[in-house]
N, C-alpha and C. Protein backbone atom coordinates (compact mmCIF):
# COMPACT_ATOMS: atom_id res chain seq x y z
N MET A 1 -137.16 60.20 -30.78
CA MET A 1 -136.58 60.01 -32.49
C MET A 1 -135.08 59.92 -32.20
N THR A 2 -134.95 58.31 -32.90
CA THR A 2 -133.71 57.64 -32.70
C THR A 2 -132.64 58.76 -33.83
N ASP A 3 -131.60 58.18 -33.76
CA ASP A 3 -130.40 58.60 -34.14
C ASP A 3 -130.33 60.12 -34.29
N ALA A 4 -130.68 60.67 -33.09
CA ALA A 4 -130.77 61.65 -32.98
C ALA A 4 -129.76 62.49 -32.12
N TYR A 5 -128.83 63.88 -32.67
CA TYR A 5 -127.74 64.44 -31.93
C TYR A 5 -128.61 64.66 -30.48
N LEU A 6 -127.87 64.61 -29.69
CA LEU A 6 -128.01 65.53 -27.83
C LEU A 6 -127.13 66.18 -27.60
N GLY A 7 -125.72 65.94 -27.75
CA GLY A 7 -124.96 67.07 -27.37
C GLY A 7 -123.64 66.55 -27.85
N GLU A 8 -122.52 67.52 -26.71
CA GLU A 8 -121.31 67.13 -27.07
C GLU A 8 -120.50 67.28 -25.75
N PHE A 9 -118.81 67.10 -25.71
CA PHE A 9 -118.41 67.20 -24.70
C PHE A 9 -116.71 67.17 -25.31
N THR A 10 -115.70 67.63 -24.71
CA THR A 10 -114.53 67.52 -24.89
C THR A 10 -113.81 67.33 -24.20
N ARG A 11 -112.36 67.10 -24.57
CA ARG A 11 -111.51 66.61 -24.17
C ARG A 11 -110.37 66.54 -24.93
N GLY A 12 -108.99 67.70 -24.40
CA GLY A 12 -108.09 67.88 -25.20
C GLY A 12 -108.65 68.50 -26.93
N PRO A 13 -107.99 67.84 -27.27
CA PRO A 13 -108.56 68.12 -29.25
C PRO A 13 -109.55 67.55 -29.50
N ALA A 14 -109.89 66.67 -28.70
CA ALA A 14 -111.19 65.39 -28.93
C ALA A 14 -112.59 66.13 -28.66
N VAL A 15 -113.07 66.07 -29.76
CA VAL A 15 -114.92 66.24 -29.34
C VAL A 15 -115.89 64.99 -29.10
N PHE A 16 -116.04 64.61 -28.34
CA PHE A 16 -116.94 63.33 -28.43
C PHE A 16 -118.43 63.99 -28.48
N VAL A 17 -119.24 63.31 -28.92
CA VAL A 17 -120.68 63.77 -30.02
C VAL A 17 -121.52 62.23 -29.29
N VAL A 18 -122.26 62.81 -28.97
CA VAL A 18 -123.17 61.53 -27.93
C VAL A 18 -124.84 61.86 -29.43
N PHE A 19 -125.22 60.68 -29.12
CA PHE A 19 -126.67 60.81 -30.23
C PHE A 19 -127.47 59.56 -29.77
N ARG A 20 -128.85 59.84 -29.85
CA ARG A 20 -129.69 58.52 -29.50
C ARG A 20 -129.24 57.61 -30.42
N PHE A 21 -129.09 56.51 -30.18
CA PHE A 21 -129.27 55.10 -31.06
C PHE A 21 -130.33 54.65 -31.39
N ASP A 22 -131.14 54.07 -30.82
CA ASP A 22 -132.41 53.75 -30.62
C ASP A 22 -133.80 53.86 -29.45
N ASP A 23 -133.94 53.22 -28.94
CA ASP A 23 -135.40 53.24 -27.91
C ASP A 23 -134.82 53.34 -26.66
N GLU A 24 -133.07 52.20 -26.77
CA GLU A 24 -133.15 51.93 -25.31
C GLU A 24 -131.42 52.33 -25.25
N SER A 25 -130.64 53.20 -26.23
CA SER A 25 -129.26 53.29 -26.01
C SER A 25 -128.98 54.37 -26.95
N TYR A 26 -127.50 54.82 -26.64
CA TYR A 26 -126.77 55.72 -26.93
C TYR A 26 -125.99 55.27 -27.48
N ARG A 27 -125.16 56.31 -28.98
CA ARG A 27 -124.05 55.91 -29.17
C ARG A 27 -122.88 57.26 -29.26
N VAL A 28 -121.66 57.31 -28.67
CA VAL A 28 -120.71 58.42 -28.76
C VAL A 28 -119.49 58.13 -30.06
N GLU A 29 -119.51 59.39 -30.80
CA GLU A 29 -118.35 59.25 -31.50
C GLU A 29 -117.34 60.52 -31.27
N CYS A 30 -116.35 60.08 -31.47
CA CYS A 30 -114.94 61.18 -31.58
C CYS A 30 -114.46 61.68 -32.64
N SER A 31 -114.33 62.59 -32.25
CA SER A 31 -113.48 63.37 -33.72
C SER A 31 -112.45 64.39 -33.27
N ASP A 32 -110.88 64.11 -33.63
CA ASP A 32 -109.93 64.36 -33.23
C ASP A 32 -108.89 65.44 -34.05
N GLY A 33 -109.75 65.38 -35.31
CA GLY A 33 -109.07 66.10 -36.82
C GLY A 33 -109.19 65.09 -37.44
N ASN A 34 -109.41 64.01 -37.33
CA ASN A 34 -109.63 62.41 -38.25
C ASN A 34 -110.59 62.38 -39.35
N GLY A 35 -111.94 63.09 -38.34
CA GLY A 35 -113.32 62.93 -38.87
C GLY A 35 -113.85 62.29 -37.63
N PRO A 36 -115.09 61.93 -37.85
CA PRO A 36 -115.64 60.96 -36.50
C PRO A 36 -115.30 59.82 -36.45
N SER A 37 -115.43 58.98 -35.55
CA SER A 37 -115.01 57.47 -35.77
C SER A 37 -115.82 57.02 -33.96
N PRO A 38 -116.45 55.74 -34.36
CA PRO A 38 -117.12 55.37 -33.49
C PRO A 38 -116.45 55.26 -31.58
N VAL A 39 -116.75 55.35 -30.76
CA VAL A 39 -116.49 54.94 -29.61
C VAL A 39 -116.84 53.96 -28.71
N CYS A 40 -118.05 54.12 -28.50
CA CYS A 40 -119.49 53.09 -27.53
C CYS A 40 -120.57 53.37 -28.22
N ARG A 41 -121.01 51.92 -27.38
CA ARG A 41 -122.74 51.89 -27.39
C ARG A 41 -123.04 52.24 -25.83
N LEU A 42 -123.90 52.79 -25.04
CA LEU A 42 -124.71 52.30 -24.12
C LEU A 42 -126.11 52.64 -23.99
N ALA A 43 -126.34 52.00 -22.93
CA ALA A 43 -127.46 51.31 -22.75
C ALA A 43 -128.55 52.78 -21.57
N ASP A 44 -129.73 52.82 -21.77
CA ASP A 44 -130.60 53.73 -20.84
C ASP A 44 -130.42 53.44 -19.22
N ASP A 45 -130.05 51.65 -18.99
CA ASP A 45 -130.11 50.71 -18.08
C ASP A 45 -128.41 51.34 -17.94
N PRO A 46 -127.70 51.81 -16.80
CA PRO A 46 -126.37 51.76 -16.14
C PRO A 46 -126.11 51.01 -15.42
N ASN A 47 -126.55 49.80 -15.29
CA ASN A 47 -126.48 48.66 -14.73
C ASN A 47 -125.91 47.95 -16.40
N VAL A 48 -126.18 47.92 -17.59
CA VAL A 48 -125.83 47.18 -18.61
C VAL A 48 -124.45 47.30 -19.23
N PRO A 49 -123.37 46.57 -19.38
CA PRO A 49 -121.98 47.11 -19.61
C PRO A 49 -122.13 47.99 -20.86
N VAL A 50 -121.45 48.81 -20.86
CA VAL A 50 -121.43 50.12 -22.19
C VAL A 50 -120.14 49.07 -23.22
N ALA A 51 -120.61 49.23 -24.48
CA ALA A 51 -119.90 47.93 -25.72
C ALA A 51 -118.97 49.00 -26.28
N TRP A 52 -117.57 48.87 -26.13
CA TRP A 52 -116.70 49.99 -26.40
C TRP A 52 -116.35 49.53 -27.63
N HIS A 53 -115.97 50.30 -28.97
CA HIS A 53 -115.56 50.31 -30.21
C HIS A 53 -113.80 49.70 -29.99
N GLY A 54 -113.51 48.89 -30.61
CA GLY A 54 -111.77 48.94 -30.88
C GLY A 54 -111.13 48.84 -29.75
N ALA A 55 -110.40 50.29 -30.35
CA ALA A 55 -109.15 50.60 -28.82
C ALA A 55 -109.54 51.44 -28.18
N TRP A 56 -110.74 51.51 -27.72
CA TRP A 56 -111.40 52.05 -26.85
C TRP A 56 -111.72 51.49 -25.77
N ASN A 57 -111.68 50.42 -25.70
CA ASN A 57 -111.66 48.93 -25.00
C ASN A 57 -110.71 48.91 -24.03
N GLY A 58 -111.25 49.63 -22.64
CA GLY A 58 -110.17 48.79 -21.98
C GLY A 58 -109.31 50.41 -21.79
N ASP A 59 -109.80 51.30 -22.56
CA ASP A 59 -108.55 53.06 -22.62
C ASP A 59 -109.05 53.77 -21.23
N ARG A 60 -107.95 54.47 -20.64
CA ARG A 60 -108.44 55.24 -19.50
C ARG A 60 -109.46 56.14 -19.37
N TRP A 61 -109.72 56.35 -20.38
CA TRP A 61 -110.55 57.95 -20.44
C TRP A 61 -112.06 57.18 -20.38
N CYS A 62 -112.25 55.80 -20.08
CA CYS A 62 -113.74 55.10 -20.81
C CYS A 62 -114.62 55.40 -19.29
N LYS A 63 -114.47 55.25 -18.26
CA LYS A 63 -115.16 56.24 -17.42
C LYS A 63 -115.50 57.63 -17.04
N TRP A 64 -114.34 58.14 -17.53
CA TRP A 64 -115.00 59.79 -17.78
C TRP A 64 -115.76 60.09 -18.97
N ILE A 65 -115.51 59.08 -20.19
CA ILE A 65 -115.96 58.98 -21.23
C ILE A 65 -117.72 58.88 -21.10
N GLU A 66 -117.87 57.53 -20.47
CA GLU A 66 -119.36 57.51 -19.94
C GLU A 66 -119.88 58.23 -19.00
N ALA A 67 -119.36 58.80 -18.04
CA ALA A 67 -119.99 59.83 -16.94
C ALA A 67 -120.11 61.38 -17.69
N GLU A 68 -119.12 61.70 -18.78
CA GLU A 68 -119.70 62.85 -19.46
C GLU A 68 -121.12 62.34 -20.56
N ALA A 69 -120.88 61.34 -21.34
CA ALA A 69 -122.06 61.13 -22.24
C ALA A 69 -123.49 60.45 -21.09
N ARG A 70 -123.43 60.42 -20.19
CA ARG A 70 -124.11 60.16 -18.93
C ARG A 70 -125.21 61.40 -18.74
N LYS A 71 -124.50 62.61 -18.81
CA LYS A 71 -124.36 64.59 -18.31
C LYS A 71 -125.39 63.98 -19.54
N VAL A 72 -124.66 63.95 -20.50
CA VAL A 72 -125.78 64.63 -21.72
C VAL A 72 -126.67 63.78 -22.43
N VAL A 73 -126.66 62.57 -21.68
CA VAL A 73 -128.11 61.92 -21.86
C VAL A 73 -128.93 62.55 -21.30
N ALA A 74 -129.24 63.00 -19.87
CA ALA A 74 -129.72 63.40 -18.75
C ALA A 74 -130.02 64.78 -19.28
N ASP A 75 -129.17 65.61 -19.55
CA ASP A 75 -129.88 66.78 -19.90
C ASP A 75 -128.98 67.11 -21.09
N PRO A 76 -129.61 66.72 -22.55
CA PRO A 76 -129.62 67.04 -23.64
C PRO A 76 -129.20 68.60 -24.10
N GLU A 77 -130.07 69.36 -23.61
CA GLU A 77 -129.97 71.19 -23.39
C GLU A 77 -128.71 71.80 -22.97
N SER A 78 -128.12 71.34 -22.17
CA SER A 78 -126.56 71.50 -22.13
C SER A 78 -125.30 71.03 -22.45
N GLY A 79 -125.96 70.27 -23.59
CA GLY A 79 -125.07 69.75 -24.27
C GLY A 79 -124.42 70.50 -25.77
């Protein structure tokens, strides 16, 4: 199923939500009280670079966000 909710993780007031985007990738959105906004899109293949959205590109949280999102992808029941 595409565009399906898989789970979420938090850091401070930010809530990150992971969705299945299509057959080969996932999208992550963040809500920090101002409604959800796009963070990135990541592929099933961890060797494919993450496509970061806007100001998230190069953010110090990027590696952490990718690691947490991949945990949700690996075990959606835990999210």
